[in-house]
C-alpha atoms as a PDB file:
ATOM      1  CA  MET A   1     109.187 108.645 124.409  1.00  0.00           C
ATOM      2  CA  ALA A   2     105.732 109.891 125.188  1.00  0.00           C
ATOM      3  CA  LEU A   3     104.422 112.304 122.561  1.00  0.00           C
ATOM      4  CA  PRO A   4     103.198 115.930 123.438  1.00  0.00           C
ATOM      5  CA  ALA A   5      99.742 116.440 124.429  1.00  0.00           C
ATOM      6  CA  LEU A   6      97.417 118.141 122.190  1.00  0.00           C
ATOM      7  CA  SER A   7      94.103 120.006 122.520  1.00  0.00           C
ATOM      8  CA  LEU A   8      92.628 119.920 119.124  1.00  0.00           C
ATOM      9  CA  SER A   9      89.637 121.889 117.643  1.00  0.00           C
ATOM     10  CA  LEU A  10      88.859 120.419 114.169  1.00  0.00           C
ATOM     11  CA  GLN A  11      86.588 122.539 112.043  1.00  0.00           C
ATOM     12  CA  PHE A  12      85.099 122.039 108.568  1.00  0.00           C
ATOM     13  CA  ALA A  13      83.694 125.256 107.063  1.00  0.00           C
ATOM     14  CA  ARG A  14      80.200 125.450 105.777  1.00  0.00           C
ATOM     15  CA  ASP A  15      81.108 126.584 102.227  1.00  0.00           C
ATOM     16  CA  LEU A  16      82.596 123.244 101.497  1.00  0.00           C
ATOM     17  CA  ASP A  17      80.086 121.368  98.961  1.00  0.00           C
ATOM     18  CA  ALA A  18      78.568 118.286 100.368  1.00  0.00           C
ATOM     19  CA  GLY A  19      80.584 115.751  98.084  1.00  0.00           C
ATOM     20  CA  SER A  20      83.879 117.518  98.941  1.00  0.00           C
ATOM     21  CA  SER A  21      83.187 117.935 102.491  1.00  0.00           C
ATOM     22  CA  ALA A  22      82.414 114.223 103.046  1.00  0.00           C
ATOM     23  CA  VAL A  23      85.696 113.125 101.247  1.00  0.00           C
ATOM     24  CA  HIS A  24      87.867 115.649 103.283  1.00  0.00           C
ATOM     25  CA  ARG A  25      86.041 114.696 106.463  1.00  0.00           C
ATOM     26  CA  SER A  26      86.786 110.940 105.836  1.00  0.00           C
ATOM     27  CA  VAL A  27      90.457 111.662 105.256  1.00  0.00           C
ATOM     28  CA  LEU A  28      90.710 114.048 108.206  1.00  0.00           C
ATOM     29  CA  SER A  29      89.424 112.016 111.135  1.00  0.00           C
ATOM     30  CA  ARG A  30      90.227 113.516 114.571  1.00  0.00           C
ATOM     31  CA  HIS A  31      92.437 110.611 115.315  1.00  0.00           C
ATOM     32  CA  ARG A  32      94.557 111.014 112.116  1.00  0.00           C
ATOM     33  CA  VAL A  33      94.747 114.706 112.593  1.00  0.00           C
ATOM     34  CA  THR A  34      95.783 114.346 116.161  1.00  0.00           C
ATOM     35  CA  ARG A  35      98.375 111.634 115.486  1.00  0.00           C
ATOM     36  CA  TRP A  36     100.034 113.653 112.535  1.00  0.00           C
ATOM     37  CA  LEU A  37     100.145 116.766 114.740  1.00  0.00           C
ATOM     38  CA  ARG A  38     101.571 115.219 117.878  1.00  0.00           C
ATOM     39  CA  HIS A  39     104.383 113.678 115.911  1.00  0.00           C
ATOM     40  CA  ALA A  40     105.275 117.196 114.772  1.00  0.00           C
ATOM     41  CA  LEU A  41     105.122 118.865 118.338  1.00  0.00           C
ATOM     42  CA  ALA A  42     108.101 119.406 120.394  1.00  0.00           C
ATOM     43  CA  SER A  43     105.944 120.360 123.420  1.00  0.00           C
ATOM     44  CA  ASP A  44     102.202 120.190 124.451  1.00  0.00           C
ATOM     45  CA  GLY A  45      99.965 122.531 122.202  1.00  0.00           C
ATOM     46  CA  GLU A  46      96.570 123.873 121.560  1.00  0.00           C
ATOM     47  CA  LEU A  47      95.692 123.997 117.764  1.00  0.00           C
ATOM     48  CA  THR A  48      92.711 124.701 115.804  1.00  0.00           C
ATOM     49  CA  VAL A  49      92.725 123.099 112.428  1.00  0.00           C
ATOM     50  CA  ARG A  50      90.005 124.552 109.969  1.00  0.00           C
ATOM     51  CA  ILE A  51      89.253 123.180 106.483  1.00  0.00           C
ATOM     52  CA  VAL A  52      87.889 125.756 104.257  1.00  0.00           C
ATOM     53  CA  GLY A  53      86.694 126.397 100.770  1.00  0.00           C
ATOM     54  CA  ALA A  54      88.364 128.545  98.027  1.00  0.00           C
ATOM     55  CA  ALA A  55      86.525 131.802  98.952  1.00  0.00           C
ATOM     56  CA  GLU A  56      87.570 131.608 102.573  1.00  0.00           C
ATOM     57  CA  GLY A  57      91.013 130.433 101.776  1.00  0.00           C
ATOM     58  CA  GLN A  58      91.479 133.453  99.408  1.00  0.00           C
ATOM     59  CA  ARG A  59      90.040 135.978 101.596  1.00  0.00           C
ATOM     60  CA  LEU A  60      92.423 135.038 104.565  1.00  0.00           C
ATOM     61  CA  ASN A  61      95.390 134.753 102.162  1.00  0.00           C
ATOM     62  CA  ARG A  62      94.704 138.263 100.803  1.00  0.00           C
ATOM     63  CA  GLU A  63      94.077 139.831 104.303  1.00  0.00           C
ATOM     64  CA  PHE A  64      97.070 138.315 106.028  1.00  0.00           C
ATOM     65  CA  ARG A  65      99.460 137.838 103.322  1.00  0.00           C
ATOM     66  CA  GLN A  66      98.416 140.306 100.630  1.00  0.00           C
ATOM     67  CA  LYS A  67      98.111 137.505  98.014  1.00  0.00           C
ATOM     68  CA  ASP A  68      94.771 137.327  96.316  1.00  0.00           C
ATOM     69  CA  TYR A  69      94.500 133.711  95.755  1.00  0.00           C
ATOM     70  CA  PRO A  70      93.517 130.730  97.711  1.00  0.00           C
ATOM     71  CA  THR A  71      96.711 129.003  99.152  1.00  0.00           C
ATOM     72  CA  ASN A  72      97.011 125.462 100.477  1.00  0.00           C
ATOM     73  CA  VAL A  73      97.661 126.160 104.093  1.00  0.00           C
ATOM     74  CA  LEU A  74      98.217 129.271 106.541  1.00  0.00           C
ATOM     75  CA  THR A  75      99.561 129.035 109.821  1.00  0.00           C
ATOM     76  CA  PHE A  76      98.786 131.824 112.727  1.00  0.00           C
ATOM     77  CA  ASP A  77     100.801 131.279 115.758  1.00  0.00           C
ATOM     78  CA  TYR A  78      99.773 133.203 118.846  1.00  0.00           C
ATOM     79  CA  SER A  79     102.105 131.753 121.446  1.00  0.00           C
ATOM     80  CA  ALA A  80     105.247 129.677 121.638  1.00  0.00           C
ATOM     81  CA  GLU A  81     105.010 128.912 125.463  1.00  0.00           C
ATOM     82  CA  PRO A  82     102.327 127.205 125.716  1.00  0.00           C
ATOM     83  CA  LEU A  83     102.077 126.615 121.893  1.00  0.00           C
ATOM     84  CA  MET A  84      98.917 128.017 120.490  1.00  0.00           C
ATOM     85  CA  ALA A  85      98.193 128.325 116.771  1.00  0.00           C
ATOM     86  CA  ASP A  86      95.311 128.002 114.185  1.00  0.00           C
ATOM     87  CA  ILE A  87      95.975 125.926 111.016  1.00  0.00           C
ATOM     88  CA  VAL A  88      93.809 126.899 107.965  1.00  0.00           C
ATOM     89  CA  LEU A  89      93.720 124.415 105.035  1.00  0.00           C
ATOM     90  CA  CYS A  90      91.916 125.111 101.838  1.00  0.00           C
ATOM     91  CA  ALA A  91      90.369 121.905 100.621  1.00  0.00           C
ATOM     92  CA  PRO A  92      90.045 122.544  96.919  1.00  0.00           C
ATOM     93  CA  VAL A  93      93.592 123.713  96.615  1.00  0.00           C
ATOM     94  CA  VAL A  94      94.835 120.751  98.759  1.00  0.00           C
ATOM     95  CA  ALA A  95      92.875 118.251  96.684  1.00  0.00           C
ATOM     96  CA  ARG A  96      94.044 119.919  93.371  1.00  0.00           C
ATOM     97  CA  GLU A  97      97.795 119.692  94.343  1.00  0.00           C
ATOM     98  CA  ALA A  98      97.584 116.123  95.496  1.00  0.00           C
ATOM     99  CA  GLU A  99      96.209 115.141  92.267  1.00  0.00           C
ATOM    100  CA  GLU A 100      98.818 117.216  90.275  1.00  0.00           C
ATOM    101  CA  GLN A 101     101.543 115.685  92.454  1.00  0.00           C
ATOM    102  CA  GLY A 102     100.396 112.133  92.155  1.00  0.00           C
ATOM    103  CA  LYS A 103      99.980 111.904  95.999  1.00  0.00           C
ATOM    104  CA  THR A 104      96.964 110.536  98.054  1.00  0.00           C
ATOM    105  CA  LEU A 105      94.779 113.332  99.788  1.00  0.00           C
ATOM    106  CA  GLU A 106      95.819 111.817 102.886  1.00  0.00           C
ATOM    107  CA  ALA A 107      99.539 111.993 102.350  1.00  0.00           C
ATOM    108  CA  HIS A 108      99.253 115.523 101.062  1.00  0.00           C
ATOM    109  CA  TYR A 109      97.147 116.710 104.051  1.00  0.00           C
ATOM    110  CA  ALA A 110      99.480 114.836 106.579  1.00  0.00           C
ATOM    111  CA  HIS A 111     102.439 116.836 104.931  1.00  0.00           C
ATOM    112  CA  LEU A 112     100.802 120.173 104.903  1.00  0.00           C
ATOM    113  CA  LEU A 113      99.654 119.435 108.784  1.00  0.00           C
ATOM    114  CA  VAL A 114     103.287 118.503 109.597  1.00  0.00           C
ATOM    115  CA  HIS A 115     104.561 121.509 107.614  1.00  0.00           C
ATOM    116  CA  ALA A 116     102.194 124.004 109.494  1.00  0.00           C
ATOM    117  CA  ALA A 117     102.911 122.635 113.065  1.00  0.00           C
ATOM    118  CA  LEU A 118     106.532 123.186 112.392  1.00  0.00           C
ATOM    119  CA  HIS A 119     105.755 126.567 111.275  1.00  0.00           C
ATOM    120  CA  ALA A 120     103.815 127.364 114.406  1.00  0.00           C
ATOM    121  CA  GLN A 121     107.019 126.324 116.359  1.00  0.00           C
ATOM    122  CA  GLY A 122     109.217 128.802 114.673  1.00  0.00           C
ATOM    123  CA  TRP A 123     110.483 126.757 111.939  1.00  0.00           C
ATOM    124  CA  GLU A 124     111.129 128.697 108.617  1.00  0.00           C
ATOM    125  CA  HIS A 125     111.675 128.100 104.910  1.00  0.00           C
ATOM    126  CA  GLU A 126     111.488 131.341 103.424  1.00  0.00           C
ATOM    127  CA  THR A 127     114.508 133.002 105.117  1.00  0.00           C
ATOM    128  CA  ASN A 128     117.257 131.318 103.391  1.00  0.00           C
ATOM    129  CA  ALA A 129     118.254 127.895 101.814  1.00  0.00           C
ATOM    130  CA  GLU A 130     119.887 126.399 104.960  1.00  0.00           C
ATOM    131  CA  ASP A 131     116.679 127.066 106.832  1.00  0.00           C
ATOM    132  CA  ALA A 132     114.476 125.500 104.164  1.00  0.00           C
ATOM    133  CA  ALA A 133     116.632 122.447 104.000  1.00  0.00           C
ATOM    134  CA  GLU A 134     116.623 122.036 107.759  1.00  0.00           C
ATOM    135  CA  MET A 135     112.761 122.372 107.614  1.00  0.00           C
ATOM    136  CA  GLU A 136     112.310 119.796 104.795  1.00  0.00           C
ATOM    137  CA  THR A 137     114.565 117.201 106.586  1.00  0.00           C
ATOM    138  CA  GLU A 138     112.618 117.622 109.784  1.00  0.00           C
ATOM    139  CA  GLU A 139     109.243 117.037 107.781  1.00  0.00           C
ATOM    140  CA  ILE A 140     110.586 114.220 105.768  1.00  0.00           C
ATOM    141  CA  ASP A 141     111.739 112.539 109.079  1.00  0.00           C
ATOM    142  CA  ILE A 142     108.409 113.094 110.732  1.00  0.00           C
ATOM    143  CA  LEU A 143     106.485 111.993 107.791  1.00  0.00           C
ATOM    144  CA  GLN A 144     108.609 108.689 107.302  1.00  0.00           C
ATOM    145  CA  GLY A 145     107.983 108.159 111.046  1.00  0.00           C
ATOM    146  CA  LEU A 146     104.180 108.227 110.256  1.00  0.00           C
ATOM    147  CA  GLY A 147     104.529 105.850 107.261  1.00  0.00           C
ATOM    148  CA  PHE A 148     104.451 108.398 104.554  1.00  0.00           C
ATOM    149  CA  ALA A 149     106.798 108.746 101.735  1.00  0.00           C
ATOM    150  CA  ASN A 150     109.214 111.759 101.221  1.00  0.00           C
ATOM    151  CA  PRO A 151     106.789 114.460 100.020  1.00  0.00           C
ATOM    152  CA  TYR A 152     109.596 116.278  98.077  1.00  0.00           C
ATOM    153  CA  LEU A 153     110.243 113.402  95.663  1.00  0.00           C
ATOM    154  CA  GLY A 154     107.983 113.649  92.642  1.00  0.00           C
END
C-alpha cells in the first residue's frame, strides 16, 4: 500500500542556540520527518513543522491555549480535506522530556510528530478515556511500524 503524499515545510527558529540547533537539526532530517509523518497520515497532506525555542513555545501556548508555559507540541489544523496543518515543537521541552523519560531524542520527536499528525486529522485524547485509548493504540501501532518502542511504557 502506497503512503500518502506529503508536502512538508520544515523550519527551525532562529532563537535556538547554535549547539542545540545542530542537535535538533541532525535528529530532524527532512527524510526522517517526512517518513514519520507519512506513516501517520490517512490521506495526502500539506504540513509545516516548526522547531522553536522556549520563548516562542511559551508565547504560542499562552496565545492559543491560555497556558503560560512552553509545551512540547502544538497542532494547528486548518483543513481536513485536503489536510493542512502546522505543527510546532518546542526543542528544549522535547529534549528535557526525552531525558526525563529515558528515551532518545529521535524516538520522542517521532512520537510527538505522529501524535500531532493524528490531532491534525481529528483524533482526540482529551475528550474521554475511550478516545484517549484509541489514539494511544494508533500511535503505538504507527511507531512500532517505524521501529520505535511503545512510547507509553516507561
